[in-house]
Amino acid sequence: MAKDITDVTGRVQDVEAETAGRLSQTTQDARYVNELGTKITMTAANASTVDATYDANEAAVINNLRVRLGEVEGVLRSAGLIN
């Protein structure tokens, strides 16, 4: 019985150490992501019109991508991940 308790206690200590290590890594990862946000500066959006080089479908796709990328940029900026 004493050996079983020792084994369980040892395993609990191992799990605690592993969890602490993962938490430490997660904290480091979060700091890295926050630092990236202060280093990333977005290129200004290109608001020029999509000219006649493209047909209507291609122009619609380009405009849709512009809008969606603008939305993603807005979310990232709101989260403080980009400037």
PDB file of N, CA and C in Angstrom:
ATOM      1  N   MET A   1       0.807  -1.184   0.000  1.00  0.00           N
ATOM      2  CA  MET A   1       0.000   0.000   0.000  1.00  0.00           C
ATOM      3  C   MET A   1       0.861   1.263   0.000  1.00  0.00           C
ATOM      4  N   ALA A   2       1.894   1.293   0.825  1.00  0.00           N
ATOM      5  CA  ALA A   2       2.786   2.457   0.889  1.00  0.00           C
ATOM      6  C   ALA A   2       3.466   2.680  -0.443  1.00  0.00           C
ATOM      7  N   LYS A   3       3.837   1.585  -1.124  1.00  0.00           N
ATOM      8  CA  LYS A   3       4.487   1.705  -2.437  1.00  0.00           C
ATOM      9  C   LYS A   3       3.520   2.300  -3.449  1.00  0.00           C
ATOM     10  N   ASP A   4       2.248   1.882  -3.386  1.00  0.00           N
ATOM     11  CA  ASP A   4       1.243   2.426  -4.299  1.00  0.00           C
ATOM     12  C   ASP A   4       1.075   3.932  -4.088  1.00  0.00           C
ATOM     13  N   ILE A   5       1.055   4.359  -2.828  1.00  0.00           N
ATOM     14  CA  ILE A   5       0.918   5.788  -2.527  1.00  0.00           C
ATOM     15  C   ILE A   5       2.131   6.552  -3.035  1.00  0.00           C
ATOM     16  N   THR A   6       3.307   5.970  -2.860  1.00  0.00           N
ATOM     17  CA  THR A   6       4.533   6.602  -3.352  1.00  0.00           C
ATOM     18  C   THR A   6       4.499   6.724  -4.868  1.00  0.00           C
ATOM     19  N   ASP A   7       4.034   5.660  -5.553  1.00  0.00           N
ATOM     20  CA  ASP A   7       3.939   5.683  -7.009  1.00  0.00           C
ATOM     21  C   ASP A   7       2.960   6.764  -7.480  1.00  0.00           C
ATOM     22  N   VAL A   8       1.819   6.837  -6.809  1.00  0.00           N
ATOM     23  CA  VAL A   8       0.809   7.830  -7.180  1.00  0.00           C
ATOM     24  C   VAL A   8       1.340   9.237  -6.911  1.00  0.00           C
ATOM     25  N   THR A   9       1.965   9.419  -5.765  1.00  0.00           N
ATOM     26  CA  THR A   9       2.527  10.726  -5.426  1.00  0.00           C
ATOM     27  C   THR A   9       3.577  11.142  -6.452  1.00  0.00           C
ATOM     28  N   GLY A  10       4.413  10.202  -6.833  1.00  0.00           N
ATOM     29  CA  GLY A  10       5.430  10.486  -7.849  1.00  0.00           C
ATOM     30  C   GLY A  10       4.809  10.862  -9.176  1.00  0.00           C
ATOM     31  N   ARG A  11       3.757  10.156  -9.557  1.00  0.00           N
ATOM     32  CA  ARG A  11       3.087  10.452 -10.825  1.00  0.00           C
ATOM     33  C   ARG A  11       2.414  11.830 -10.779  1.00  0.00           C
ATOM     34  N   VAL A  12       1.790  12.152  -9.649  1.00  0.00           N
ATOM     35  CA  VAL A  12       1.168  13.468  -9.494  1.00  0.00           C
ATOM     36  C   VAL A  12       2.220  14.561  -9.631  1.00  0.00           C
ATOM     37  N   GLN A  13       3.367  14.359  -9.034  1.00  0.00           N
ATOM     38  CA  GLN A  13       4.437  15.350  -9.142  1.00  0.00           C
ATOM     39  C   GLN A  13       4.913  15.479 -10.591  1.00  0.00           C
ATOM     40  N   ASP A  14       4.978  14.350 -11.296  1.00  0.00           N
ATOM     41  CA  ASP A  14       5.365  14.389 -12.711  1.00  0.00           C
ATOM     42  C   ASP A  14       4.355  15.191 -13.529  1.00  0.00           C
ATOM     43  N   VAL A  15       3.074  14.945 -13.274  1.00  0.00           N
ATOM     44  CA  VAL A  15       2.015  15.656 -14.009  1.00  0.00           C
ATOM     45  C   VAL A  15       2.050  17.144 -13.677  1.00  0.00           C
ATOM     46  N   GLU A  16       2.262  17.476 -12.411  1.00  0.00           N
ATOM     47  CA  GLU A  16       2.360  18.880 -12.020  1.00  0.00           C
ATOM     48  C   GLU A  16       3.521  19.567 -12.734  1.00  0.00           C
ATOM     49  N   ALA A  17       4.649  18.897 -12.791  1.00  0.00           N
ATOM     50  CA  ALA A  17       5.824  19.470 -13.457  1.00  0.00           C
ATOM     51  C   ALA A  17       5.562  19.642 -14.954  1.00  0.00           C
ATOM     52  N   GLU A  18       4.927  18.648 -15.562  1.00  0.00           N
ATOM     53  CA  GLU A  18       4.617  18.718 -16.994  1.00  0.00           C
ATOM     54  C   GLU A  18       3.637  19.860 -17.269  1.00  0.00           C
ATOM     55  N   THR A  19       2.626  19.991 -16.419  1.00  0.00           N
ATOM     56  CA  THR A  19       1.634  21.057 -16.577  1.00  0.00           C
ATOM     57  C   THR A  19       2.290  22.422 -16.416  1.00  0.00           C
ATOM     58  N   ALA A  20       3.153  22.554 -15.432  1.00  0.00           N
ATOM     59  CA  ALA A  20       3.857  23.822 -15.234  1.00  0.00           C
ATOM     60  C   ALA A  20       4.707  24.158 -16.452  1.00  0.00           C
ATOM     61  N   GLY A  21       5.359  23.153 -17.035  1.00  0.00           N
ATOM     62  CA  GLY A  21       6.164  23.370 -18.231  1.00  0.00           C
ATOM     63  C   GLY A  21       5.321  23.826 -19.403  1.00  0.00           C
ATOM     64  N   ARG A  22       4.149  23.217 -19.568  1.00  0.00           N
ATOM     65  CA  ARG A  22       3.256  23.614 -20.664  1.00  0.00           C
ATOM     66  C   ARG A  22       2.720  25.020 -20.452  1.00  0.00           C
ATOM     67  N   LEU A  23       2.374  25.341 -19.218  1.00  0.00           N
ATOM     68  CA  LEU A  23       1.883  26.674 -18.912  1.00  0.00           C
ATOM     69  C   LEU A  23       2.959  27.714 -19.202  1.00  0.00           C
ATOM     70  N   SER A  24       4.181  27.396 -18.837  1.00  0.00           N
ATOM     71  CA  SER A  24       5.290  28.308 -19.090  1.00  0.00           C
ATOM     72  C   SER A  24       5.456  28.523 -20.597  1.00  0.00           C
ATOM     73  N   GLN A  25       5.371  27.450 -21.380  1.00  0.00           N
ATOM     74  CA  GLN A  25       5.512  27.561 -22.832  1.00  0.00           C
ATOM     75  C   GLN A  25       4.368  28.375 -23.414  1.00  0.00           C
ATOM     76  N   THR A  26       3.150  28.142 -22.913  1.00  0.00           N
ATOM     77  CA  THR A  26       1.994  28.890 -23.397  1.00  0.00           C
ATOM     78  C   THR A  26       2.160  30.376 -23.097  1.00  0.00           C
ATOM     79  N   THR A  27       2.659  30.698 -21.927  1.00  0.00           N
ATOM     80  CA  THR A  27       2.899  32.087 -21.552  1.00  0.00           C
ATOM     81  C   THR A  27       3.939  32.708 -22.477  1.00  0.00           C
ATOM     82  N   GLN A  28       5.002  31.967 -22.767  1.00  0.00           N
ATOM     83  CA  GLN A  28       6.036  32.470 -23.678  1.00  0.00           C
ATOM     84  C   GLN A  28       5.460  32.683 -25.069  1.00  0.00           C
ATOM     85  N   ASP A  29       4.634  31.747 -25.530  1.00  0.00           N
ATOM     86  CA  ASP A  29       4.016  31.873 -26.845  1.00  0.00           C
ATOM     87  C   ASP A  29       3.129  33.117 -26.913  1.00  0.00           C
ATOM     88  N   ALA A  30       2.356  33.350 -25.849  1.00  0.00           N
ATOM     89  CA  ALA A  30       1.474  34.519 -25.808  1.00  0.00           C
ATOM     90  C   ALA A  30       2.287  35.809 -25.843  1.00  0.00           C
ATOM     91  N   ARG A  31       3.387  35.836 -25.121  1.00  0.00           N
ATOM     92  CA  ARG A  31       4.246  37.031 -25.143  1.00  0.00           C
ATOM     93  C   ARG A  31       4.806  37.264 -26.539  1.00  0.00           C
ATOM     94  N   TYR A  32       5.205  36.188 -27.206  1.00  0.00           N
ATOM     95  CA  TYR A  32       5.749  36.291 -28.561  1.00  0.00           C
ATOM     96  C   TYR A  32       4.697  36.867 -29.510  1.00  0.00           C
ATOM     97  N   VAL A  33       3.462  36.367 -29.412  1.00  0.00           N
ATOM     98  CA  VAL A  33       2.391  36.865 -30.278  1.00  0.00           C
ATOM     99  C   VAL A  33       2.139  38.342 -30.001  1.00  0.00           C
ATOM    100  N   ASN A  34       2.133  38.731 -28.732  1.00  0.00           N
ATOM    101  CA  ASN A  34       1.943  40.136 -28.394  1.00  0.00           C
ATOM    102  C   ASN A  34       3.075  40.998 -28.942  1.00  0.00           C
ATOM    103  N   GLU A  35       4.299  40.506 -28.883  1.00  0.00           N
ATOM    104  CA  GLU A  35       5.433  41.250 -29.426  1.00  0.00           C
ATOM    105  C   GLU A  35       5.311  41.392 -30.937  1.00  0.00           C
ATOM    106  N   LEU A  36       4.816  40.359 -31.597  1.00  0.00           N
ATOM    107  CA  LEU A  36       4.637  40.438 -33.047  1.00  0.00           C
ATOM    108  C   LEU A  36       3.705  41.582 -33.413  1.00  0.00           C
ATOM    109  N   GLY A  37       2.656  41.753 -32.630  1.00  0.00           N
ATOM    110  CA  GLY A  37       1.689  42.802 -32.904  1.00  0.00           C
ATOM    111  C   GLY A  37       2.301  44.183 -32.896  1.00  0.00           C
ATOM    112  N   THR A  38       3.315  44.373 -32.101  1.00  0.00           N
ATOM    113  CA  THR A  38       3.951  45.683 -32.060  1.00  0.00           C
ATOM    114  C   THR A  38       4.961  45.844 -33.187  1.00  0.00           C
ATOM    115  N   LYS A  39       5.332  44.770 -33.828  1.00  0.00           N
ATOM    116  CA  LYS A  39       6.338  44.819 -34.894  1.00  0.00           C
ATOM    117  C   LYS A  39       5.728  44.810 -36.288  1.00  0.00           C
ATOM    118  N   ILE A  40       4.498  44.360 -36.403  1.00  0.00           N
ATOM    119  CA  ILE A  40       3.870  44.224 -37.719  1.00  0.00           C
ATOM    120  C   ILE A  40       3.156  45.523 -38.074  1.00  0.00           C
ATOM    121  N   THR A  41       3.531  46.096 -39.180  1.00  0.00           N
ATOM    122  CA  THR A  41       2.844  47.268 -39.694  1.00  0.00           C
ATOM    123  C   THR A  41       2.279  46.892 -41.052  1.00  0.00           C
ATOM    124  N   MET A  42       0.999  47.086 -41.197  1.00  0.00           N
ATOM    125  CA  MET A  42       0.332  46.689 -42.433  1.00  0.00           C
ATOM    126  C   MET A  42       0.603  47.711 -43.540  1.00  0.00           C
ATOM    127  N   THR A  43       0.724  47.208 -44.742  1.00  0.00           N
ATOM    128  CA  THR A  43       0.814  48.057 -45.918  1.00  0.00           C
ATOM    129  C   THR A  43      -0.545  48.692 -46.137  1.00  0.00           C
ATOM    130  N   ALA A  44      -0.565  49.928 -46.546  1.00  0.00           N
ATOM    131  CA  ALA A  44      -1.838  50.608 -46.783  1.00  0.00           C
ATOM    132  C   ALA A  44      -2.646  49.863 -47.838  1.00  0.00           C
ATOM    133  N   ALA A  45      -3.947  49.865 -47.652  1.00  0.00           N
ATOM    134  CA  ALA A  45      -4.833  49.195 -48.605  1.00  0.00           C
ATOM    135  C   ALA A  45      -4.767  49.888 -49.961  1.00  0.00           C
ATOM    136  N   ASN A  46      -4.854  49.090 -51.002  1.00  0.00           N
ATOM    137  CA  ASN A  46      -4.886  49.625 -52.358  1.00  0.00           C
ATOM    138  C   ASN A  46      -6.347  49.813 -52.738  1.00  0.00           C
ATOM    139  N   ALA A  47      -6.788  51.042 -52.805  1.00  0.00           N
ATOM    140  CA  ALA A  47      -8.193  51.330 -53.082  1.00  0.00           C
ATOM    141  C   ALA A  47      -8.455  51.620 -54.554  1.00  0.00           C
ATOM    142  N   SER A  48      -7.466  51.375 -55.401  1.00  0.00           N
ATOM    143  CA  SER A  48      -7.672  51.659 -56.824  1.00  0.00           C
ATOM    144  C   SER A  48      -8.768  50.751 -57.380  1.00  0.00           C
ATOM    145  N   THR A  49      -9.398  51.241 -58.419  1.00  0.00           N
ATOM    146  CA  THR A  49     -10.484  50.459 -59.012  1.00  0.00           C
ATOM    147  C   THR A  49      -9.914  49.274 -59.774  1.00  0.00           C
ATOM    148  N   VAL A  50     -10.702  48.232 -59.847  1.00  0.00           N
ATOM    149  CA  VAL A  50     -10.318  47.067 -60.633  1.00  0.00           C
ATOM    150  C   VAL A  50     -10.756  47.382 -62.056  1.00  0.00           C
ATOM    151  N   ASP A  51      -9.787  47.544 -62.936  1.00  0.00           N
ATOM    152  CA  ASP A  51     -10.095  48.056 -64.273  1.00  0.00           C
ATOM    153  C   ASP A  51     -10.589  46.977 -65.240  1.00  0.00           C
ATOM    154  N   ALA A  52     -10.725  47.373 -66.474  1.00  0.00           N
ATOM    155  CA  ALA A  52     -11.279  46.513 -67.522  1.00  0.00           C
ATOM    156  C   ALA A  52     -10.354  45.374 -67.916  1.00  0.00           C
ATOM    157  N   THR A  53      -9.177  45.306 -67.307  1.00  0.00           N
ATOM    158  CA  THR A  53      -8.281  44.177 -67.583  1.00  0.00           C
ATOM    159  C   THR A  53      -8.968  42.876 -67.158  1.00  0.00           C
ATOM    160  N   TYR A  54      -9.842  42.977 -66.180  1.00  0.00           N
ATOM    161  CA  TYR A  54     -10.528  41.811 -65.627  1.00  0.00           C
ATOM    162  C   TYR A  54     -11.981  41.808 -66.074  1.00  0.00           C
ATOM    163  N   ASP A  55     -12.527  40.598 -66.250  1.00  0.00           N
ATOM    164  CA  ASP A  55     -13.954  40.541 -66.558  1.00  0.00           C
ATOM    165  C   ASP A  55     -14.748  40.759 -65.261  1.00  0.00           C
ATOM    166  N   ALA A  56     -16.050  40.791 -65.358  1.00  0.00           N
ATOM    167  CA  ALA A  56     -16.899  41.106 -64.206  1.00  0.00           C
ATOM    168  C   ALA A  56     -16.716  40.111 -63.062  1.00  0.00           C
ATOM    169  N   ASN A  57     -16.572  38.831 -63.378  1.00  0.00           N
ATOM    170  CA  ASN A  57     -16.401  37.818 -62.335  1.00  0.00           C
ATOM    171  C   ASN A  57     -15.071  37.990 -61.603  1.00  0.00           C
ATOM    172  N   GLU A  58     -14.011  38.216 -62.374  1.00  0.00           N
ATOM    173  CA  GLU A  58     -12.695  38.412 -61.760  1.00  0.00           C
ATOM    174  C   GLU A  58     -12.680  39.666 -60.889  1.00  0.00           C
ATOM    175  N   ALA A  59     -13.275  40.729 -61.383  1.00  0.00           N
ATOM    176  CA  ALA A  59     -13.334  41.967 -60.625  1.00  0.00           C
ATOM    177  C   ALA A  59     -14.113  41.764 -59.327  1.00  0.00           C
ATOM    178  N   ALA A  60     -15.198  41.008 -59.387  1.00  0.00           N
ATOM    179  CA  ALA A  60     -16.006  40.736 -58.191  1.00  0.00           C
ATOM    180  C   ALA A  60     -15.201  39.946 -57.160  1.00  0.00           C
ATOM    181  N   VAL A  61     -14.419  38.977 -57.634  1.00  0.00           N
ATOM    182  CA  VAL A  61     -13.590  38.173 -56.729  1.00  0.00           C
ATOM    183  C   VAL A  61     -12.532  39.059 -56.065  1.00  0.00           C
ATOM    184  N   ILE A  62     -11.882  39.892 -56.852  1.00  0.00           N
ATOM    185  CA  ILE A  62     -10.850  40.788 -56.304  1.00  0.00           C
ATOM    186  C   ILE A  62     -11.464  41.726 -55.265  1.00  0.00           C
ATOM    187  N   ASN A  63     -12.597  42.308 -55.583  1.00  0.00           N
ATOM    188  CA  ASN A  63     -13.248  43.218 -54.636  1.00  0.00           C
ATOM    189  C   ASN A  63     -13.692  42.485 -53.379  1.00  0.00           C
ATOM    190  N   ASN A  64     -14.203  41.264 -53.543  1.00  0.00           N
ATOM    191  CA  ASN A  64     -14.623  40.467 -52.384  1.00  0.00           C
ATOM    192  C   ASN A  64     -13.427  40.157 -51.492  1.00  0.00           C
ATOM    193  N   LEU A  65     -12.305  39.801 -52.095  1.00  0.00           N
ATOM    194  CA  LEU A  65     -11.102  39.514 -51.314  1.00  0.00           C
ATOM    195  C   LEU A  65     -10.614  40.752 -50.582  1.00  0.00           C
ATOM    196  N   ARG A  66     -10.683  41.886 -51.227  1.00  0.00           N
ATOM    197  CA  ARG A  66     -10.290  43.138 -50.572  1.00  0.00           C
ATOM    198  C   ARG A  66     -11.141  43.389 -49.333  1.00  0.00           C
ATOM    199  N   VAL A  67     -12.442  43.217 -49.487  1.00  0.00           N
ATOM    200  CA  VAL A  67     -13.348  43.443 -48.358  1.00  0.00           C
ATOM    201  C   VAL A  67     -13.047  42.469 -47.229  1.00  0.00           C
ATOM    202  N   ARG A  68     -12.906  41.197 -47.581  1.00  0.00           N
ATOM    203  CA  ARG A  68     -12.694  40.177 -46.548  1.00  0.00           C
ATOM    204  C   ARG A  68     -11.351  40.355 -45.854  1.00  0.00           C
ATOM    205  N   LEU A  69     -10.314  40.686 -46.609  1.00  0.00           N
ATOM    206  CA  LEU A  69      -9.011  40.942 -45.988  1.00  0.00           C
ATOM    207  C   LEU A  69      -9.068  42.171 -45.085  1.00  0.00           C
ATOM    208  N   GLY A  70      -9.829  43.165 -45.497  1.00  0.00           N
ATOM    209  CA  GLY A  70     -10.015  44.341 -44.658  1.00  0.00           C
ATOM    210  C   GLY A  70     -10.695  43.976 -43.340  1.00  0.00           C
ATOM    211  N   GLU A  71     -11.654  43.066 -43.406  1.00  0.00           N
ATOM    212  CA  GLU A  71     -12.337  42.613 -42.190  1.00  0.00           C
ATOM    213  C   GLU A  71     -11.388  41.846 -41.278  1.00  0.00           C
ATOM    214  N   VAL A  72     -10.573  40.983 -41.867  1.00  0.00           N
ATOM    215  CA  VAL A  72      -9.592  40.232 -41.073  1.00  0.00           C
ATOM    216  C   VAL A  72      -8.604  41.199 -40.430  1.00  0.00           C
ATOM    217  N   GLU A  73      -8.151  42.163 -41.194  1.00  0.00           N
ATOM    218  CA  GLU A  73      -7.236  43.172 -40.656  1.00  0.00           C
ATOM    219  C   GLU A  73      -7.869  43.913 -39.486  1.00  0.00           C
ATOM    220  N   GLY A  74      -9.133  44.248 -39.615  1.00  0.00           N
ATOM    221  CA  GLY A  74      -9.829  44.934 -38.543  1.00  0.00           C
ATOM    222  C   GLY A  74      -9.900  44.110 -37.265  1.00  0.00           C
ATOM    223  N   VAL A  75     -10.172  42.826 -37.419  1.00  0.00           N
ATOM    224  CA  VAL A  75     -10.238  41.932 -36.258  1.00  0.00           C
ATOM    225  C   VAL A  75      -8.864  41.813 -35.605  1.00  0.00           C
ATOM    226  N   LEU A  76      -7.824  41.639 -36.404  1.00  0.00           N
ATOM    227  CA  LEU A  76      -6.474  41.528 -35.861  1.00  0.00           C
ATOM    228  C   LEU A  76      -6.055  42.814 -35.165  1.00  0.00           C
ATOM    229  N   ARG A  77      -6.432  43.940 -35.739  1.00  0.00           N
ATOM    230  CA  ARG A  77      -6.097  45.235 -35.116  1.00  0.00           C
ATOM    231  C   ARG A  77      -6.855  45.386 -33.792  1.00  0.00           C
ATOM    232  N   SER A  78      -8.127  45.009 -33.786  1.00  0.00           N
ATOM    233  CA  SER A  78      -8.925  45.103 -32.554  1.00  0.00           C
ATOM    234  C   SER A  78      -8.358  44.213 -31.455  1.00  0.00           C
ATOM    235  N   ALA A  79      -7.794  43.080 -31.850  1.00  0.00           N
ATOM    236  CA  ALA A  79      -7.210  42.159 -30.879  1.00  0.00           C
ATOM    237  C   ALA A  79      -5.806  42.597 -30.445  1.00  0.00           C
ATOM    238  N   GLY A  80      -5.302  43.658 -31.079  1.00  0.00           N
ATOM    239  CA  GLY A  80      -3.983  44.172 -30.725  1.00  0.00           C
ATOM    240  C   GLY A  80      -2.851  43.364 -31.327  1.00  0.00           C
ATOM    241  N   LEU A  81      -3.154  42.560 -32.332  1.00  0.00           N
ATOM    242  CA  LEU A  81      -2.113  41.720 -32.929  1.00  0.00           C
ATOM    243  C   LEU A  81      -1.350  42.408 -34.043  1.00  0.00           C
ATOM    244  N   ILE A  82      -1.934  43.475 -34.591  1.00  0.00           N
ATOM    245  CA  ILE A  82      -1.220  44.270 -35.605  1.00  0.00           C
ATOM    246  C   ILE A  82      -1.466  45.741 -35.314  1.00  0.00           C
ATOM    247  N   ASN A  83      -0.617  46.579 -35.877  1.00  0.00           N
ATOM    248  CA  ASN A  83      -0.788  48.039 -35.704  1.00  0.00           C
ATOM    249  C   ASN A  83      -1.675  48.583 -36.792  1.00  0.00           C
TER     250      ASN A  83
END
